[in-house]
Amino acid sequence: MRQIVVFKLGKEEYGIDIIKVVEIVHHQEIRKVPETPNYIEGIVNLRGDIYPIYNLRTRFNMKSEQIDEDTKIIIIKGEETDVGFIVDNVSEILNISESEIEDAPSIIASRTEQEYISGVAKEEGRMIVLLDIDKLVSDSDQNLIKKMLEE
């Protein structure tokens, strides 16, 4: 049995293994950092810790939406550094058995920009795309983040 934090981007549902989630916070002011990829919004200071913030809508080439009271930042434990992901809302924590998880369809899995999809969970007629956080934050992003945090 796996516990998955389910969040939405538009009408699509995505999931992250709860073991990777440090905390979920309301959206707050993000300080822009020059010369970063367009999907890295900037950095935030949460109780003295600095986190780089990804906009998952931009990362997934989705249309941007207005920030509202449902918008959240999910702080994720990365391999080398923790990062935050802006999501439209966090809907629930699900217990999913391994038998309810299938590999990503080959049409998705074969696309290099989709390599961060670890599978698809089928739960009561819903399909939740499961993300591999360690692949979503690439090595080049990790190097850039280290440089950002050093400055």
N, C-alpha and C. Protein backbone atom coordinates (compact mmCIF):
# COMPACT_ATOMS: atom_id res chain seq x y z
N MET A 1 0.85 -1.19 0.00
CA MET A 1 0.00 0.00 0.00
C MET A 1 0.89 1.24 0.00
N ARG A 2 0.54 2.18 -0.88
CA ARG A 2 1.28 3.44 -0.95
C ARG A 2 0.34 4.59 -0.62
N GLN A 3 0.87 5.61 0.06
CA GLN A 3 0.10 6.82 0.30
C GLN A 3 0.56 7.86 -0.71
N ILE A 4 -0.44 8.43 -1.41
CA ILE A 4 -0.18 9.38 -2.48
C ILE A 4 -0.88 10.70 -2.15
N VAL A 5 -0.13 11.81 -2.27
CA VAL A 5 -0.73 13.14 -2.17
C VAL A 5 -1.24 13.47 -3.56
N VAL A 6 -2.55 13.69 -3.67
CA VAL A 6 -3.19 13.97 -4.95
C VAL A 6 -3.40 15.48 -5.09
N PHE A 7 -2.97 16.01 -6.24
CA PHE A 7 -3.18 17.43 -6.51
C PHE A 7 -3.67 17.61 -7.93
N LYS A 8 -4.20 18.79 -8.20
CA LYS A 8 -4.75 19.07 -9.52
C LYS A 8 -4.00 20.19 -10.21
N LEU A 9 -3.91 20.03 -11.52
CA LEU A 9 -3.50 21.09 -12.43
C LEU A 9 -4.62 21.13 -13.46
N GLY A 10 -5.46 22.14 -13.39
CA GLY A 10 -6.66 22.15 -14.23
C GLY A 10 -7.55 21.00 -13.81
N LYS A 11 -8.01 20.21 -14.78
CA LYS A 11 -8.89 19.08 -14.48
C LYS A 11 -8.11 17.78 -14.28
N GLU A 12 -6.79 17.83 -14.52
CA GLU A 12 -5.97 16.63 -14.41
C GLU A 12 -5.52 16.40 -12.97
N GLU A 13 -5.50 15.12 -12.59
CA GLU A 13 -5.04 14.76 -11.25
C GLU A 13 -3.67 14.10 -11.32
N TYR A 14 -2.80 14.51 -10.41
CA TYR A 14 -1.45 13.99 -10.32
C TYR A 14 -1.21 13.53 -8.89
N GLY A 15 -0.24 12.65 -8.74
CA GLY A 15 0.07 12.15 -7.41
C GLY A 15 1.57 12.09 -7.17
N ILE A 16 1.92 12.31 -5.91
CA ILE A 16 3.31 12.23 -5.45
C ILE A 16 3.31 11.35 -4.21
N ASP A 17 4.27 10.46 -4.12
CA ASP A 17 4.41 9.62 -2.94
C ASP A 17 4.57 10.50 -1.71
N ILE A 18 3.77 10.25 -0.67
CA ILE A 18 3.78 11.10 0.52
C ILE A 18 5.14 11.12 1.22
N ILE A 19 5.93 10.08 1.00
CA ILE A 19 7.26 10.02 1.61
C ILE A 19 8.12 11.19 1.12
N LYS A 20 7.87 11.68 -0.09
CA LYS A 20 8.65 12.77 -0.67
C LYS A 20 8.15 14.16 -0.24
N VAL A 21 6.96 14.23 0.37
CA VAL A 21 6.37 15.52 0.71
C VAL A 21 6.83 15.97 2.09
N VAL A 22 7.43 17.17 2.14
CA VAL A 22 7.88 17.76 3.40
C VAL A 22 6.72 18.51 4.05
N GLU A 23 6.06 19.36 3.27
CA GLU A 23 4.90 20.09 3.75
C GLU A 23 4.13 20.70 2.59
N ILE A 24 2.92 21.13 2.88
CA ILE A 24 2.06 21.79 1.90
C ILE A 24 1.68 23.14 2.50
N VAL A 25 1.94 24.21 1.75
CA VAL A 25 1.67 25.55 2.27
C VAL A 25 0.83 26.34 1.26
N HIS A 26 0.18 27.39 1.76
CA HIS A 26 -0.55 28.30 0.87
C HIS A 26 0.44 29.03 -0.02
N HIS A 27 -0.03 29.40 -1.21
CA HIS A 27 0.82 30.16 -2.12
C HIS A 27 1.22 31.47 -1.44
N GLN A 28 2.44 31.89 -1.67
CA GLN A 28 2.92 33.15 -1.11
C GLN A 28 3.83 33.84 -2.11
N GLU A 29 4.27 35.02 -1.74
CA GLU A 29 5.11 35.80 -2.65
C GLU A 29 6.39 35.04 -2.98
N ILE A 30 6.71 35.02 -4.25
CA ILE A 30 7.90 34.33 -4.74
C ILE A 30 8.86 35.37 -5.30
N ARG A 31 10.10 35.30 -4.84
CA ARG A 31 11.12 36.23 -5.32
C ARG A 31 11.72 35.70 -6.61
N LYS A 32 11.64 36.50 -7.67
CA LYS A 32 12.19 36.11 -8.97
C LYS A 32 13.70 36.02 -8.90
N VAL A 33 14.25 35.09 -9.67
CA VAL A 33 15.70 34.93 -9.77
C VAL A 33 16.04 35.00 -11.26
N PRO A 34 16.95 35.90 -11.64
CA PRO A 34 17.27 36.04 -13.06
C PRO A 34 17.99 34.80 -13.62
N GLU A 35 17.88 34.63 -14.92
CA GLU A 35 18.58 33.59 -15.66
C GLU A 35 18.26 32.17 -15.19
N THR A 36 16.96 31.93 -14.95
CA THR A 36 16.51 30.58 -14.62
C THR A 36 15.52 30.14 -15.69
N PRO A 37 15.33 28.83 -15.85
CA PRO A 37 14.33 28.37 -16.82
C PRO A 37 12.96 28.95 -16.49
N ASN A 38 12.10 29.10 -17.50
CA ASN A 38 10.80 29.75 -17.29
C ASN A 38 9.91 29.00 -16.30
N TYR A 39 10.13 27.70 -16.10
CA TYR A 39 9.30 26.95 -15.17
C TYR A 39 9.76 27.06 -13.72
N ILE A 40 10.90 27.70 -13.47
CA ILE A 40 11.32 27.99 -12.10
C ILE A 40 10.90 29.42 -11.81
N GLU A 41 9.88 29.56 -10.95
CA GLU A 41 9.30 30.87 -10.66
C GLU A 41 10.24 31.75 -9.86
N GLY A 42 11.04 31.14 -9.00
CA GLY A 42 11.92 31.91 -8.13
C GLY A 42 12.14 31.15 -6.84
N ILE A 43 12.27 31.89 -5.74
CA ILE A 43 12.52 31.28 -4.44
C ILE A 43 11.57 31.86 -3.39
N VAL A 44 11.32 31.06 -2.34
CA VAL A 44 10.56 31.54 -1.18
C VAL A 44 11.37 31.24 0.07
N ASN A 45 11.09 32.01 1.11
CA ASN A 45 11.70 31.82 2.41
C ASN A 45 10.61 31.33 3.35
N LEU A 46 10.70 30.07 3.76
CA LEU A 46 9.74 29.50 4.71
C LEU A 46 10.45 29.24 6.03
N ARG A 47 10.12 30.04 7.01
CA ARG A 47 10.69 29.89 8.35
C ARG A 47 12.22 29.78 8.32
N GLY A 48 12.85 30.60 7.49
CA GLY A 48 14.31 30.65 7.43
C GLY A 48 14.95 29.71 6.43
N ASP A 49 14.18 28.83 5.80
CA ASP A 49 14.72 27.94 4.78
C ASP A 49 14.31 28.47 3.40
N ILE A 50 15.26 28.46 2.46
CA ILE A 50 15.02 28.96 1.11
C ILE A 50 14.74 27.77 0.20
N TYR A 51 13.64 27.87 -0.57
CA TYR A 51 13.26 26.81 -1.50
C TYR A 51 13.07 27.37 -2.90
N PRO A 52 13.67 26.75 -3.92
CA PRO A 52 13.34 27.11 -5.29
C PRO A 52 11.93 26.60 -5.61
N ILE A 53 11.17 27.37 -6.38
CA ILE A 53 9.77 27.04 -6.65
C ILE A 53 9.56 26.81 -8.15
N TYR A 54 9.05 25.63 -8.47
CA TYR A 54 8.69 25.26 -9.84
C TYR A 54 7.22 25.57 -10.07
N ASN A 55 6.90 26.04 -11.27
CA ASN A 55 5.52 26.15 -11.68
C ASN A 55 5.23 24.92 -12.55
N LEU A 56 4.48 23.96 -12.01
CA LEU A 56 4.24 22.72 -12.75
C LEU A 56 3.42 22.94 -14.01
N ARG A 57 2.55 23.95 -14.01
CA ARG A 57 1.79 24.23 -15.24
C ARG A 57 2.76 24.58 -16.37
N THR A 58 3.71 25.44 -16.08
CA THR A 58 4.70 25.83 -17.09
C THR A 58 5.58 24.64 -17.45
N ARG A 59 5.98 23.88 -16.47
CA ARG A 59 6.85 22.71 -16.70
C ARG A 59 6.17 21.69 -17.61
N PHE A 60 4.84 21.56 -17.48
CA PHE A 60 4.09 20.60 -18.29
C PHE A 60 3.48 21.23 -19.54
N ASN A 61 3.91 22.46 -19.87
CA ASN A 61 3.41 23.18 -21.05
C ASN A 61 1.90 23.35 -21.03
N MET A 62 1.37 23.68 -19.86
CA MET A 62 -0.07 23.94 -19.71
C MET A 62 -0.29 25.45 -19.65
N LYS A 63 -1.50 25.85 -19.98
CA LYS A 63 -1.90 27.26 -19.91
C LYS A 63 -1.84 27.72 -18.44
N SER A 64 -1.30 28.91 -18.22
CA SER A 64 -1.22 29.41 -16.85
C SER A 64 -2.60 29.84 -16.36
N GLU A 65 -2.79 29.78 -15.08
CA GLU A 65 -4.06 30.15 -14.44
C GLU A 65 -3.79 31.18 -13.35
N GLN A 66 -4.84 31.88 -12.99
CA GLN A 66 -4.77 32.86 -11.92
C GLN A 66 -4.52 32.15 -10.59
N ILE A 67 -3.66 32.75 -9.77
CA ILE A 67 -3.43 32.24 -8.41
C ILE A 67 -4.67 32.58 -7.59
N ASP A 68 -5.18 31.60 -6.81
CA ASP A 68 -6.33 31.87 -5.95
C ASP A 68 -6.12 31.21 -4.59
N GLU A 69 -7.17 31.22 -3.76
CA GLU A 69 -7.02 30.70 -2.39
C GLU A 69 -6.78 29.19 -2.35
N ASP A 70 -7.07 28.48 -3.44
CA ASP A 70 -6.82 27.03 -3.49
C ASP A 70 -5.39 26.70 -3.90
N THR A 71 -4.69 27.66 -4.51
CA THR A 71 -3.32 27.41 -4.99
C THR A 71 -2.41 27.07 -3.82
N LYS A 72 -1.63 26.02 -4.00
CA LYS A 72 -0.74 25.56 -2.92
C LYS A 72 0.68 25.40 -3.47
N ILE A 73 1.62 25.36 -2.54
CA ILE A 73 2.99 25.00 -2.84
C ILE A 73 3.28 23.72 -2.05
N ILE A 74 3.67 22.67 -2.78
CA ILE A 74 4.05 21.41 -2.14
C ILE A 74 5.57 21.39 -2.06
N ILE A 75 6.10 21.36 -0.84
CA ILE A 75 7.55 21.27 -0.64
C ILE A 75 7.93 19.80 -0.68
N ILE A 76 8.87 19.49 -1.57
CA ILE A 76 9.26 18.11 -1.87
C ILE A 76 10.70 17.87 -1.45
N LYS A 77 10.95 16.70 -0.88
CA LYS A 77 12.30 16.28 -0.54
C LYS A 77 12.97 15.75 -1.81
N GLY A 78 13.93 16.52 -2.33
CA GLY A 78 14.65 16.11 -3.53
C GLY A 78 15.89 15.30 -3.16
N GLU A 79 16.53 14.74 -4.17
CA GLU A 79 17.74 13.95 -3.91
C GLU A 79 18.83 14.81 -3.28
N GLU A 80 18.99 16.04 -3.79
CA GLU A 80 20.06 16.89 -3.28
C GLU A 80 19.54 18.11 -2.52
N THR A 81 18.39 18.63 -2.91
CA THR A 81 17.83 19.80 -2.24
C THR A 81 16.32 19.74 -2.32
N ASP A 82 15.66 20.35 -1.35
CA ASP A 82 14.21 20.40 -1.35
C ASP A 82 13.75 21.50 -2.30
N VAL A 83 12.63 21.26 -2.98
CA VAL A 83 12.06 22.23 -3.91
C VAL A 83 10.56 22.33 -3.66
N GLY A 84 9.96 23.39 -4.17
CA GLY A 84 8.52 23.55 -4.07
C GLY A 84 7.87 23.50 -5.44
N PHE A 85 6.65 22.96 -5.50
CA PHE A 85 5.88 22.91 -6.73
C PHE A 85 4.58 23.66 -6.53
N ILE A 86 4.30 24.61 -7.43
CA ILE A 86 3.01 25.32 -7.39
C ILE A 86 1.99 24.42 -8.08
N VAL A 87 0.87 24.17 -7.37
CA VAL A 87 -0.22 23.36 -7.92
C VAL A 87 -1.53 24.11 -7.71
N ASP A 88 -2.55 23.76 -8.51
CA ASP A 88 -3.84 24.45 -8.40
C ASP A 88 -4.52 24.19 -7.06
N ASN A 89 -4.46 22.95 -6.61
CA ASN A 89 -4.94 22.62 -5.27
C ASN A 89 -4.50 21.21 -4.91
N VAL A 90 -4.50 20.95 -3.62
CA VAL A 90 -4.21 19.61 -3.12
C VAL A 90 -5.54 19.06 -2.66
N SER A 91 -5.94 17.92 -3.23
CA SER A 91 -7.29 17.44 -2.96
C SER A 91 -7.38 16.39 -1.87
N GLU A 92 -6.39 15.49 -1.77
CA GLU A 92 -6.52 14.43 -0.78
C GLU A 92 -5.24 13.61 -0.67
N ILE A 93 -5.23 12.74 0.31
CA ILE A 93 -4.19 11.73 0.44
C ILE A 93 -4.88 10.39 0.27
N LEU A 94 -4.40 9.61 -0.72
CA LEU A 94 -5.03 8.33 -1.04
C LEU A 94 -4.12 7.17 -0.66
N ASN A 95 -4.72 6.10 -0.18
CA ASN A 95 -4.03 4.83 -0.01
C ASN A 95 -4.29 4.02 -1.27
N ILE A 96 -3.23 3.67 -1.98
CA ILE A 96 -3.37 2.95 -3.24
C ILE A 96 -2.53 1.68 -3.18
N SER A 97 -3.14 0.57 -3.53
CA SER A 97 -2.38 -0.68 -3.56
C SER A 97 -1.60 -0.75 -4.86
N GLU A 98 -0.50 -1.49 -4.83
CA GLU A 98 0.34 -1.63 -6.02
C GLU A 98 -0.44 -2.19 -7.21
N SER A 99 -1.47 -3.01 -6.93
CA SER A 99 -2.26 -3.60 -8.02
C SER A 99 -3.09 -2.56 -8.77
N GLU A 100 -3.30 -1.39 -8.16
CA GLU A 100 -4.06 -0.32 -8.81
C GLU A 100 -3.17 0.61 -9.63
N ILE A 101 -1.87 0.32 -9.66
CA ILE A 101 -0.92 1.18 -10.37
C ILE A 101 -0.42 0.44 -11.61
N GLU A 102 -0.52 1.12 -12.75
CA GLU A 102 -0.04 0.56 -14.01
C GLU A 102 1.12 1.40 -14.52
N ASP A 103 1.95 0.81 -15.38
CA ASP A 103 3.01 1.57 -16.03
C ASP A 103 2.38 2.66 -16.88
N ALA A 104 3.16 3.72 -17.10
CA ALA A 104 2.68 4.79 -17.98
C ALA A 104 2.48 4.22 -19.38
N PRO A 105 1.41 4.62 -20.07
CA PRO A 105 1.20 4.13 -21.45
C PRO A 105 2.42 4.42 -22.30
N SER A 106 2.72 3.53 -23.24
CA SER A 106 3.94 3.65 -24.04
C SER A 106 4.00 4.95 -24.84
N ILE A 107 2.85 5.48 -25.23
CA ILE A 107 2.86 6.74 -25.99
C ILE A 107 3.41 7.87 -25.13
N ILE A 108 3.19 7.78 -23.82
CA ILE A 108 3.72 8.78 -22.89
C ILE A 108 5.16 8.43 -22.52
N ALA A 109 5.37 7.17 -22.15
CA ALA A 109 6.68 6.75 -21.64
C ALA A 109 7.79 6.93 -22.66
N SER A 110 7.47 6.91 -23.95
CA SER A 110 8.51 7.02 -24.97
C SER A 110 8.95 8.46 -25.20
N ARG A 111 8.19 9.42 -24.73
CA ARG A 111 8.56 10.83 -24.92
C ARG A 111 9.53 11.24 -23.83
N THR A 112 10.69 11.78 -24.21
CA THR A 112 11.72 12.08 -23.22
C THR A 112 11.26 13.10 -22.19
N GLU A 113 10.44 14.07 -22.59
CA GLU A 113 10.01 15.07 -21.60
C GLU A 113 8.99 14.49 -20.62
N GLN A 114 8.52 13.28 -20.88
CA GLN A 114 7.55 12.65 -19.99
C GLN A 114 8.19 11.56 -19.13
N GLU A 115 9.51 11.50 -19.09
CA GLU A 115 10.17 10.42 -18.35
C GLU A 115 9.92 10.48 -16.84
N TYR A 116 9.42 11.60 -16.36
CA TYR A 116 9.16 11.75 -14.93
C TYR A 116 7.81 11.17 -14.51
N ILE A 117 7.09 10.54 -15.41
CA ILE A 117 5.83 9.86 -15.05
C ILE A 117 6.17 8.42 -14.68
N SER A 118 5.89 8.05 -13.43
CA SER A 118 6.26 6.71 -12.96
C SER A 118 5.14 5.69 -13.16
N GLY A 119 3.92 6.16 -13.37
CA GLY A 119 2.81 5.24 -13.57
C GLY A 119 1.48 5.98 -13.51
N VAL A 120 0.42 5.19 -13.61
CA VAL A 120 -0.93 5.74 -13.54
C VAL A 120 -1.71 4.90 -12.53
N ALA A 121 -2.31 5.58 -11.56
CA ALA A 121 -3.13 4.90 -10.56
C ALA A 121 -4.59 4.98 -10.99
N LYS A 122 -5.25 3.84 -10.95
CA LYS A 122 -6.69 3.81 -11.24
C LYS A 122 -7.41 3.63 -9.92
N GLU A 123 -8.22 4.61 -9.60
CA GLU A 123 -8.91 4.63 -8.31
C GLU A 123 -10.36 5.02 -8.52
N GLU A 124 -11.27 4.06 -8.38
CA GLU A 124 -12.71 4.32 -8.50
C GLU A 124 -13.05 5.13 -9.75
N GLY A 125 -12.60 4.69 -10.90
CA GLY A 125 -12.92 5.35 -12.16
C GLY A 125 -12.06 6.56 -12.48
N ARG A 126 -11.17 6.92 -11.59
CA ARG A 126 -10.28 8.07 -11.82
C ARG A 126 -8.92 7.55 -12.30
N MET A 127 -8.22 8.41 -13.01
CA MET A 127 -6.84 8.11 -13.38
C MET A 127 -5.96 9.22 -12.80
N ILE A 128 -4.99 8.82 -12.00
CA ILE A 128 -4.09 9.77 -11.35
C ILE A 128 -2.68 9.49 -11.88
N VAL A 129 -2.10 10.50 -12.52
CA VAL A 129 -0.74 10.36 -13.06
C VAL A 129 0.25 10.50 -11.92
N LEU A 130 1.06 9.48 -11.73
CA LEU A 130 2.05 9.47 -10.64
C LEU A 130 3.38 10.01 -11.15
N LEU A 131 3.94 10.95 -10.40
CA LEU A 131 5.17 11.61 -10.82
C LEU A 131 6.38 11.08 -10.07
N ASP A 132 7.47 10.93 -10.78
CA ASP A 132 8.76 10.57 -10.19
C ASP A 132 9.50 11.89 -9.96
N ILE A 133 9.47 12.35 -8.73
CA ILE A 133 10.00 13.67 -8.40
C ILE A 133 11.49 13.77 -8.71
N ASP A 134 12.24 12.71 -8.46
CA ASP A 134 13.68 12.76 -8.68
C ASP A 134 14.01 12.94 -10.16
N LYS A 135 13.16 12.46 -11.06
CA LYS A 135 13.40 12.66 -12.49
C LYS A 135 12.84 14.01 -12.96
N LEU A 136 11.82 14.51 -12.26
CA LEU A 136 11.22 15.79 -12.62
C LEU A 136 12.21 16.93 -12.41
N VAL A 137 12.98 16.84 -11.34
CA VAL A 137 14.02 17.84 -11.05
C VAL A 137 15.32 17.29 -11.63
N SER A 138 15.65 17.73 -12.83
CA SER A 138 16.80 17.18 -13.57
C SER A 138 18.13 17.55 -12.92
N ASP A 139 19.18 16.87 -13.36
CA ASP A 139 20.52 17.16 -12.86
C ASP A 139 20.92 18.60 -13.14
N SER A 140 20.59 19.10 -14.34
CA SER A 140 20.95 20.49 -14.67
C SER A 140 20.17 21.45 -13.77
N ASP A 141 18.90 21.10 -13.45
CA ASP A 141 18.14 21.92 -12.51
C ASP A 141 18.79 21.90 -11.13
N GLN A 142 19.24 20.71 -10.69
CA GLN A 142 19.88 20.60 -9.38
C GLN A 142 21.12 21.50 -9.31
N ASN A 143 21.93 21.50 -10.37
CA ASN A 143 23.12 22.35 -10.41
C ASN A 143 22.74 23.82 -10.36
N LEU A 144 21.71 24.19 -11.11
CA LEU A 144 21.23 25.58 -11.12
C LEU A 144 20.71 25.98 -9.74
N ILE A 145 19.96 25.08 -9.10
CA ILE A 145 19.41 25.36 -7.78
C ILE A 145 20.54 25.57 -6.77
N LYS A 146 21.55 24.71 -6.81
CA LYS A 146 22.70 24.87 -5.90
C LYS A 146 23.33 26.25 -6.09
N LYS A 147 23.50 26.64 -7.35
CA LYS A 147 24.10 27.94 -7.65
C LYS A 147 23.20 29.07 -7.13
N MET A 148 21.88 28.94 -7.32
CA MET A 148 20.93 29.96 -6.84
C MET A 148 21.02 30.11 -5.33
N LEU A 149 21.09 28.99 -4.62
CA LEU A 149 21.08 29.03 -3.17
C LEU A 149 22.39 29.51 -2.58
N GLU A 150 23.48 29.39 -3.35
CA GLU A 150 24.77 29.87 -2.88
C GLU A 150 24.88 31.38 -2.98
N GLU A 151 24.15 31.97 -3.94
CA GLU A 151 24.27 33.42 -4.17
C GLU A 151 23.54 34.23 -3.14
